[in-house]
């Protein structure tokens, strides 16, 4: 089965601010005008998170701007959106976040076979020294890749 995935947005800030321990895919309950707005890649979810209450998961803080031609069918851009997960998945996520320092954050939003999906990460916040170390690792990796590229040009 061919799964064609069209990524709408990635939460790059989440990978900088948090250490992602585990991920899970969830559906998201949206209105038609919200889906049309997402097809135009209109989205901001850098400060959003997932909250579990009454055995239901909700995505809070995601901003989907109103669709231009949506008129009266547009909804509040910052409304809470219900995540579509199985009861067992919600229980597992709830058990994960009971541990001290863990939270649920969206890492990626994408279309798969015409449906909007969100990837949720179980995350632990990074300390300042962890952020510095990951930035140093990234810079070292870039330097190594550029040196390798220079060496390959020398052989051509």
N, C-alpha and C. Protein backbone atom coordinates (compact mmCIF):
# COMPACT_ATOMS: atom_id res chain seq x y z
N UNK A 1 0.85 -1.17 0.00
CA UNK A 1 0.00 0.00 0.00
C UNK A 1 0.90 1.24 0.00
N UNK A 2 0.65 2.16 -0.92
CA UNK A 2 1.46 3.35 -1.06
C UNK A 2 0.88 4.47 -0.20
N UNK A 3 1.63 4.91 0.79
CA UNK A 3 1.18 6.00 1.65
C UNK A 3 1.85 7.28 1.19
N UNK A 4 1.09 8.15 0.56
CA UNK A 4 1.65 9.41 0.13
C UNK A 4 1.45 10.43 1.24
N UNK A 5 2.56 10.95 1.74
CA UNK A 5 2.52 11.89 2.85
C UNK A 5 2.93 13.26 2.35
N UNK A 6 2.08 14.26 2.63
CA UNK A 6 2.40 15.65 2.30
C UNK A 6 2.51 16.40 3.62
N UNK A 7 3.73 16.76 3.98
CA UNK A 7 3.96 17.42 5.26
C UNK A 7 3.49 18.87 5.17
N UNK A 8 2.65 19.27 6.10
CA UNK A 8 2.15 20.64 6.17
C UNK A 8 3.14 21.50 6.94
N UNK A 9 3.55 21.02 8.13
CA UNK A 9 4.49 21.78 8.95
C UNK A 9 5.17 20.86 9.95
N UNK A 10 6.42 21.22 10.28
CA UNK A 10 7.17 20.53 11.33
C UNK A 10 7.43 21.53 12.45
N UNK A 11 7.38 21.05 13.65
CA UNK A 11 7.63 21.89 14.82
C UNK A 11 9.13 21.81 15.15
N UNK A 12 9.93 22.60 14.44
CA UNK A 12 11.38 22.56 14.64
C UNK A 12 11.76 23.03 16.03
N UNK A 13 10.98 23.94 16.57
CA UNK A 13 11.27 24.46 17.91
C UNK A 13 11.15 23.35 18.96
N UNK A 14 10.24 22.41 18.72
CA UNK A 14 10.05 21.31 19.67
C UNK A 14 11.31 20.48 19.80
N UNK A 15 12.00 20.25 18.68
CA UNK A 15 13.22 19.44 18.73
C UNK A 15 14.37 20.20 19.39
N UNK A 16 14.30 21.52 19.40
CA UNK A 16 15.32 22.33 20.07
C UNK A 16 15.03 22.41 21.56
N UNK A 17 13.77 22.61 21.92
CA UNK A 17 13.39 22.81 23.32
C UNK A 17 13.24 21.50 24.10
N UNK A 18 12.92 20.40 23.39
CA UNK A 18 12.60 19.14 24.07
C UNK A 18 13.40 17.98 23.50
N UNK A 19 13.55 16.96 24.32
CA UNK A 19 14.09 15.68 23.89
C UNK A 19 12.88 14.78 23.65
N UNK A 20 12.67 14.37 22.40
CA UNK A 20 11.51 13.56 22.04
C UNK A 20 11.82 12.10 22.34
N UNK A 21 11.04 11.50 23.24
CA UNK A 21 11.28 10.13 23.67
C UNK A 21 10.49 9.11 22.85
N UNK A 22 9.28 9.47 22.46
CA UNK A 22 8.41 8.55 21.73
C UNK A 22 7.43 9.38 20.91
N UNK A 23 6.95 8.83 19.79
CA UNK A 23 5.96 9.53 18.97
C UNK A 23 4.79 8.62 18.66
N UNK A 24 3.64 9.24 18.39
CA UNK A 24 2.44 8.51 18.03
C UNK A 24 1.65 9.35 17.03
N UNK A 25 1.00 8.68 16.09
CA UNK A 25 0.20 9.38 15.08
C UNK A 25 -1.25 9.43 15.54
N UNK A 26 -1.87 10.60 15.36
CA UNK A 26 -3.27 10.77 15.76
C UNK A 26 -4.02 11.54 14.68
N UNK A 27 -5.29 11.23 14.56
CA UNK A 27 -6.15 12.03 13.70
C UNK A 27 -6.55 13.29 14.46
N UNK A 28 -7.13 14.23 13.75
CA UNK A 28 -7.53 15.48 14.39
C UNK A 28 -8.88 15.90 13.84
N UNK A 29 -9.80 16.29 14.73
CA UNK A 29 -11.15 16.68 14.33
C UNK A 29 -11.12 18.15 13.90
N UNK A 30 -11.35 18.37 12.60
CA UNK A 30 -11.32 19.73 12.04
C UNK A 30 -12.60 20.00 11.27
N UNK A 31 -12.88 21.29 11.06
CA UNK A 31 -13.99 21.67 10.19
C UNK A 31 -13.47 21.77 8.76
N UNK A 32 -14.37 21.87 7.80
CA UNK A 32 -13.98 21.93 6.40
C UNK A 32 -13.12 23.12 6.05
N UNK A 33 -13.43 24.29 6.63
CA UNK A 33 -12.65 25.49 6.31
C UNK A 33 -11.25 25.40 6.91
N UNK A 34 -11.11 24.70 8.04
CA UNK A 34 -9.78 24.51 8.63
C UNK A 34 -8.92 23.64 7.73
N UNK A 35 -9.51 22.60 7.16
CA UNK A 35 -8.76 21.72 6.26
C UNK A 35 -8.32 22.50 5.02
N UNK A 36 -9.21 23.33 4.48
CA UNK A 36 -8.86 24.13 3.31
C UNK A 36 -7.74 25.10 3.63
N UNK A 37 -7.77 25.68 4.82
CA UNK A 37 -6.69 26.57 5.24
C UNK A 37 -5.37 25.81 5.38
N UNK A 38 -5.44 24.58 5.89
CA UNK A 38 -4.23 23.76 6.02
C UNK A 38 -3.67 23.38 4.65
N UNK A 39 -4.54 23.17 3.68
CA UNK A 39 -4.07 22.85 2.32
C UNK A 39 -3.24 23.99 1.75
N UNK A 40 -3.48 25.21 2.23
CA UNK A 40 -2.68 26.37 1.82
C UNK A 40 -1.46 26.53 2.72
N UNK A 41 -1.20 25.55 3.58
CA UNK A 41 -0.08 25.54 4.54
C UNK A 41 -0.12 26.71 5.50
N UNK A 42 -1.31 27.10 5.91
CA UNK A 42 -1.47 28.14 6.92
C UNK A 42 -1.58 27.46 8.28
N UNK A 43 -0.58 27.69 9.15
CA UNK A 43 -0.57 27.00 10.42
C UNK A 43 0.53 27.56 11.31
N UNK A 44 0.26 27.61 12.60
CA UNK A 44 1.28 27.96 13.58
C UNK A 44 1.03 27.11 14.82
N UNK A 45 2.00 26.26 15.15
CA UNK A 45 1.81 25.42 16.33
C UNK A 45 3.07 25.30 17.18
N UNK A 46 3.88 26.34 17.18
CA UNK A 46 5.12 26.32 17.95
C UNK A 46 4.86 26.27 19.46
N UNK A 47 3.80 26.91 19.93
CA UNK A 47 3.52 26.96 21.37
C UNK A 47 2.36 26.05 21.77
N UNK A 48 2.07 25.04 20.97
CA UNK A 48 0.92 24.19 21.28
C UNK A 48 1.34 22.95 22.07
N UNK A 49 0.38 22.34 22.72
CA UNK A 49 0.63 21.15 23.50
C UNK A 49 -0.63 20.29 23.52
N UNK A 50 -0.52 19.07 24.03
CA UNK A 50 -1.66 18.16 24.11
C UNK A 50 -2.02 17.98 25.57
N UNK A 51 -3.33 18.04 25.83
CA UNK A 51 -3.83 17.87 27.19
C UNK A 51 -4.83 16.72 27.19
N UNK A 52 -4.76 15.87 28.19
CA UNK A 52 -5.69 14.75 28.30
C UNK A 52 -6.60 15.02 29.49
N UNK A 53 -7.92 15.00 29.20
CA UNK A 53 -8.91 15.15 30.26
C UNK A 53 -10.16 14.36 29.89
N UNK A 54 -10.77 13.74 30.88
CA UNK A 54 -11.96 12.89 30.69
C UNK A 54 -11.73 11.81 29.63
N UNK A 55 -10.55 11.21 29.65
CA UNK A 55 -10.17 10.17 28.69
C UNK A 55 -10.27 10.61 27.24
N UNK A 56 -10.04 11.90 26.99
CA UNK A 56 -9.99 12.45 25.64
C UNK A 56 -8.75 13.32 25.54
N UNK A 57 -8.16 13.38 24.35
CA UNK A 57 -6.96 14.19 24.13
C UNK A 57 -7.34 15.41 23.30
N UNK A 58 -6.83 16.57 23.69
CA UNK A 58 -7.11 17.82 23.00
C UNK A 58 -5.80 18.53 22.65
N UNK A 59 -5.75 19.09 21.46
CA UNK A 59 -4.62 19.88 21.01
C UNK A 59 -4.93 21.34 21.32
N UNK A 60 -4.10 21.96 22.13
CA UNK A 60 -4.36 23.32 22.60
C UNK A 60 -3.26 24.25 22.10
N UNK A 61 -3.64 25.43 21.65
CA UNK A 61 -2.68 26.46 21.27
C UNK A 61 -2.28 26.44 19.81
N UNK A 62 -2.87 25.58 18.99
CA UNK A 62 -2.54 25.56 17.56
C UNK A 62 -3.40 26.61 16.86
N UNK A 63 -2.76 27.44 16.05
CA UNK A 63 -3.45 28.52 15.35
C UNK A 63 -3.59 28.18 13.88
N UNK A 64 -4.83 27.99 13.43
CA UNK A 64 -5.13 27.81 12.01
C UNK A 64 -5.91 29.04 11.59
N UNK A 65 -5.31 29.92 10.77
CA UNK A 65 -6.01 31.15 10.40
C UNK A 65 -7.27 30.85 9.60
N UNK A 66 -8.26 31.74 9.66
CA UNK A 66 -9.51 31.52 8.93
C UNK A 66 -9.25 31.42 7.42
N UNK A 67 -10.02 30.55 6.77
CA UNK A 67 -9.95 30.38 5.33
C UNK A 67 -10.52 31.63 4.67
N UNK A 68 -9.84 32.14 3.63
CA UNK A 68 -10.24 33.40 3.00
C UNK A 68 -11.68 33.39 2.49
N UNK A 69 -12.09 32.30 1.83
CA UNK A 69 -13.44 32.24 1.29
C UNK A 69 -14.41 31.52 2.23
N UNK A 70 -14.05 31.40 3.50
CA UNK A 70 -14.86 30.63 4.44
C UNK A 70 -16.05 31.36 5.02
N UNK A 71 -16.08 32.67 4.96
CA UNK A 71 -17.10 33.55 5.55
C UNK A 71 -17.67 33.02 6.86
N UNK A 72 -18.95 32.72 6.96
CA UNK A 72 -19.57 32.38 8.24
C UNK A 72 -19.20 30.99 8.75
N UNK A 73 -18.58 30.17 7.90
CA UNK A 73 -18.23 28.81 8.30
C UNK A 73 -16.89 28.76 9.04
N UNK A 74 -16.16 29.87 9.07
CA UNK A 74 -14.89 29.90 9.80
C UNK A 74 -15.15 29.79 11.30
N UNK A 75 -14.22 29.15 12.00
CA UNK A 75 -14.33 28.98 13.45
C UNK A 75 -13.18 29.72 14.12
N UNK A 76 -13.18 29.73 15.44
CA UNK A 76 -12.12 30.40 16.21
C UNK A 76 -10.77 29.78 15.87
N UNK A 77 -9.79 30.59 15.43
CA UNK A 77 -8.50 30.05 15.01
C UNK A 77 -7.72 29.34 16.12
N UNK A 78 -7.97 29.67 17.39
CA UNK A 78 -7.22 29.09 18.50
C UNK A 78 -8.03 28.07 19.31
N UNK A 79 -9.12 27.59 18.76
CA UNK A 79 -9.98 26.67 19.52
C UNK A 79 -9.25 25.36 19.83
N UNK A 80 -9.72 24.68 20.87
CA UNK A 80 -9.17 23.37 21.20
C UNK A 80 -9.68 22.38 20.17
N UNK A 81 -8.79 21.52 19.70
CA UNK A 81 -9.16 20.52 18.70
C UNK A 81 -8.97 19.13 19.28
N UNK A 82 -10.01 18.32 19.12
CA UNK A 82 -9.98 16.96 19.68
C UNK A 82 -9.09 16.07 18.81
N UNK A 83 -8.26 15.27 19.48
CA UNK A 83 -7.42 14.30 18.79
C UNK A 83 -8.13 12.96 18.77
N UNK A 84 -8.02 12.27 17.64
CA UNK A 84 -8.71 11.00 17.47
C UNK A 84 -7.73 9.87 17.75
N UNK A 85 -7.84 9.31 18.94
CA UNK A 85 -6.95 8.23 19.39
C UNK A 85 -7.79 7.11 19.99
N UNK A 86 -7.26 5.90 19.97
CA UNK A 86 -7.92 4.79 20.64
C UNK A 86 -7.77 4.96 22.15
N UNK A 87 -8.69 4.38 22.89
CA UNK A 87 -8.69 4.50 24.35
C UNK A 87 -7.38 3.98 24.94
N UNK A 88 -6.86 2.88 24.38
CA UNK A 88 -5.62 2.30 24.89
C UNK A 88 -4.44 3.25 24.65
N UNK A 89 -4.44 3.95 23.51
CA UNK A 89 -3.37 4.91 23.22
C UNK A 89 -3.43 6.08 24.19
N UNK A 90 -4.65 6.54 24.49
CA UNK A 90 -4.80 7.66 25.43
C UNK A 90 -4.32 7.24 26.82
N UNK A 91 -4.67 6.03 27.23
CA UNK A 91 -4.21 5.54 28.55
C UNK A 91 -2.70 5.46 28.62
N UNK A 92 -2.08 4.98 27.52
CA UNK A 92 -0.62 4.86 27.50
C UNK A 92 0.03 6.24 27.57
N UNK A 93 -0.51 7.20 26.80
CA UNK A 93 0.03 8.56 26.85
C UNK A 93 -0.16 9.18 28.23
N UNK A 94 -1.31 8.93 28.84
CA UNK A 94 -1.58 9.48 30.17
C UNK A 94 -0.60 8.90 31.19
N UNK A 95 -0.29 7.62 31.07
CA UNK A 95 0.68 7.00 31.98
C UNK A 95 2.07 7.59 31.74
N UNK A 96 2.41 7.87 30.48
CA UNK A 96 3.71 8.46 30.17
C UNK A 96 3.86 9.84 30.79
N UNK A 97 2.83 10.67 30.70
CA UNK A 97 2.98 12.05 31.19
C UNK A 97 2.83 12.16 32.70
N UNK A 98 2.44 11.06 33.37
CA UNK A 98 2.40 11.08 34.83
C UNK A 98 3.82 11.14 35.40
N UNK A 99 4.81 10.70 34.60
CA UNK A 99 6.19 10.79 35.04
C UNK A 99 6.60 12.26 35.12
N UNK A 100 7.43 12.57 36.07
CA UNK A 100 7.83 13.95 36.28
C UNK A 100 8.62 14.50 35.10
N UNK A 101 8.23 15.66 34.63
CA UNK A 101 8.99 16.34 33.59
C UNK A 101 8.62 15.97 32.18
N UNK A 102 7.63 15.10 31.96
CA UNK A 102 7.25 14.72 30.61
C UNK A 102 5.98 15.46 30.18
N UNK A 103 5.90 15.76 28.89
CA UNK A 103 4.74 16.44 28.34
C UNK A 103 4.47 15.92 26.94
N UNK A 104 3.32 16.28 26.40
CA UNK A 104 2.94 15.88 25.05
C UNK A 104 2.92 17.11 24.16
N UNK A 105 3.67 17.05 23.05
CA UNK A 105 3.70 18.18 22.12
C UNK A 105 3.58 17.66 20.69
N UNK A 106 2.93 18.46 19.83
CA UNK A 106 2.86 18.06 18.42
C UNK A 106 4.20 18.34 17.74
N UNK A 107 4.68 17.37 16.95
CA UNK A 107 5.96 17.55 16.27
C UNK A 107 5.80 17.77 14.77
N UNK A 108 4.71 17.23 14.21
CA UNK A 108 4.54 17.33 12.76
C UNK A 108 3.05 17.22 12.43
N UNK A 109 2.61 17.97 11.41
CA UNK A 109 1.24 17.87 10.91
C UNK A 109 1.33 17.61 9.42
N UNK A 110 0.56 16.63 8.94
CA UNK A 110 0.67 16.23 7.55
C UNK A 110 -0.63 15.63 7.03
N UNK A 111 -0.73 15.55 5.69
CA UNK A 111 -1.83 14.86 5.03
C UNK A 111 -1.36 13.47 4.66
N UNK A 112 -2.20 12.47 4.90
CA UNK A 112 -1.92 11.12 4.44
C UNK A 112 -3.23 10.57 3.86
N UNK A 113 -3.20 10.29 2.58
CA UNK A 113 -4.38 9.84 1.84
C UNK A 113 -5.57 10.78 2.04
N UNK A 114 -5.30 12.10 2.07
CA UNK A 114 -6.36 13.10 2.18
C UNK A 114 -6.81 13.42 3.59
N UNK A 115 -6.28 12.73 4.59
CA UNK A 115 -6.66 12.96 5.98
C UNK A 115 -5.56 13.74 6.69
N UNK A 116 -5.97 14.63 7.58
CA UNK A 116 -4.99 15.39 8.35
C UNK A 116 -4.61 14.58 9.58
N UNK A 117 -3.31 14.39 9.75
CA UNK A 117 -2.78 13.65 10.90
C UNK A 117 -1.80 14.54 11.64
N UNK A 118 -1.65 14.29 12.93
CA UNK A 118 -0.68 15.01 13.74
C UNK A 118 0.18 13.98 14.45
N UNK A 119 1.49 14.22 14.45
CA UNK A 119 2.42 13.35 15.16
C UNK A 119 2.67 13.98 16.53
N UNK A 120 2.38 13.23 17.58
CA UNK A 120 2.53 13.71 18.95
C UNK A 120 3.77 13.08 19.55
N UNK A 121 4.57 13.90 20.20
CA UNK A 121 5.78 13.40 20.84
C UNK A 121 5.68 13.47 22.35
N UNK A 122 6.10 12.39 23.01
CA UNK A 122 6.26 12.41 24.47
C UNK A 122 7.64 13.01 24.70
N UNK A 123 7.69 14.16 25.37
CA UNK A 123 8.92 14.92 25.42
C UNK A 123 9.32 15.30 26.84
N UNK A 124 10.63 15.46 26.99
CA UNK A 124 11.20 15.95 28.24
C UNK A 124 11.93 17.25 27.91
N UNK A 125 11.71 18.28 28.67
CA UNK A 125 12.35 19.57 28.43
C UNK A 125 13.85 19.49 28.57
N UNK A 126 14.56 20.17 27.66
CA UNK A 126 16.02 20.20 27.73
C UNK A 126 16.47 21.33 28.64
N UNK A 127 17.58 21.10 29.32
CA UNK A 127 18.22 22.14 30.10
C UNK A 127 19.06 23.00 29.16
N UNK A 128 19.53 24.13 29.62
CA UNK A 128 20.31 25.03 28.78
C UNK A 128 21.57 24.34 28.26
N UNK A 129 22.26 23.57 29.11
CA UNK A 129 23.48 22.90 28.66
C UNK A 129 23.17 21.83 27.61
N UNK A 130 22.00 21.19 27.68
CA UNK A 130 21.61 20.22 26.66
C UNK A 130 21.39 20.91 25.31
N UNK A 131 20.78 22.10 25.35
CA UNK A 131 20.54 22.85 24.12
C UNK A 131 21.87 23.25 23.49
N UNK A 132 22.81 23.69 24.35
CA UNK A 132 24.14 24.07 23.84
C UNK A 132 24.85 22.88 23.22
N UNK A 133 24.77 21.74 23.87
CA UNK A 133 25.42 20.53 23.35
C UNK A 133 24.82 20.13 22.00
N UNK A 134 23.50 20.15 21.87
CA UNK A 134 22.89 19.75 20.59
C UNK A 134 23.25 20.76 19.50
N UNK A 135 23.40 22.03 19.86
CA UNK A 135 23.81 23.03 18.87
C UNK A 135 25.27 22.80 18.46
N UNK A 136 26.14 22.45 19.41
CA UNK A 136 27.53 22.14 19.09
C UNK A 136 27.63 20.90 18.21
N UNK A 137 26.82 19.90 18.50
CA UNK A 137 26.81 18.69 17.68
C UNK A 137 26.39 19.00 16.25
N UNK A 138 25.37 19.85 16.10
CA UNK A 138 24.90 20.24 14.77
C UNK A 138 25.98 20.97 14.00
N UNK A 139 26.67 21.90 14.68
CA UNK A 139 27.74 22.67 14.03
C UNK A 139 28.91 21.77 13.64
N UNK A 140 29.26 20.80 14.50
CA UNK A 140 30.35 19.88 14.19
C UNK A 140 29.98 19.00 12.99
N UNK A 141 28.75 18.57 12.93
CA UNK A 141 28.30 17.75 11.80
C UNK A 141 28.38 18.54 10.50
N UNK A 142 27.97 19.80 10.53
CA UNK A 142 28.05 20.66 9.34
C UNK A 142 29.50 20.84 8.90
N UNK A 143 30.40 21.04 9.87
CA UNK A 143 31.82 21.24 9.55
C UNK A 143 32.40 19.97 8.90
N UNK A 144 32.06 18.82 9.43
CA UNK A 144 32.55 17.55 8.86
C UNK A 144 32.03 17.37 7.44
N UNK A 145 30.75 17.65 7.23
CA UNK A 145 30.17 17.49 5.89
C UNK A 145 30.82 18.45 4.89
N UNK A 146 31.11 19.68 5.32
CA UNK A 146 31.74 20.63 4.40
C UNK A 146 33.18 20.20 4.07
N UNK A 147 33.92 19.66 5.06
CA UNK A 147 35.27 19.15 4.81
C UNK A 147 35.24 17.99 3.82
N UNK A 148 34.28 17.08 4.00
CA UNK A 148 34.15 15.95 3.08
C UNK A 148 33.83 16.42 1.66
N UNK A 149 32.99 17.43 1.57
CA UNK A 149 32.63 17.98 0.27
C UNK A 149 33.85 18.59 -0.42
N UNK A 150 34.67 19.31 0.36
CA UNK A 150 35.90 19.91 -0.18
C UNK A 150 36.86 18.83 -0.67
N UNK A 151 36.98 17.74 0.09
CA UNK A 151 37.88 16.65 -0.30
C UNK A 151 37.40 15.97 -1.56
N UNK A 152 36.09 15.81 -1.70
CA UNK A 152 35.54 15.19 -2.90
C UNK A 152 35.78 16.07 -4.15
N UNK A 153 35.72 17.38 -3.97
CA UNK A 153 35.99 18.29 -5.09
C UNK A 153 37.45 18.18 -5.52
N UNK A 154 38.35 17.91 -4.59
CA UNK A 154 39.76 17.75 -4.90
C UNK A 154 40.03 16.52 -5.76
N UNK A 155 39.22 15.48 -5.61
CA UNK A 155 39.40 14.25 -6.38
C UNK A 155 38.79 14.35 -7.77
N UNK A 156 37.90 15.28 -8.00
CA UNK A 156 37.23 15.40 -9.31
C UNK A 156 38.11 15.99 -10.38
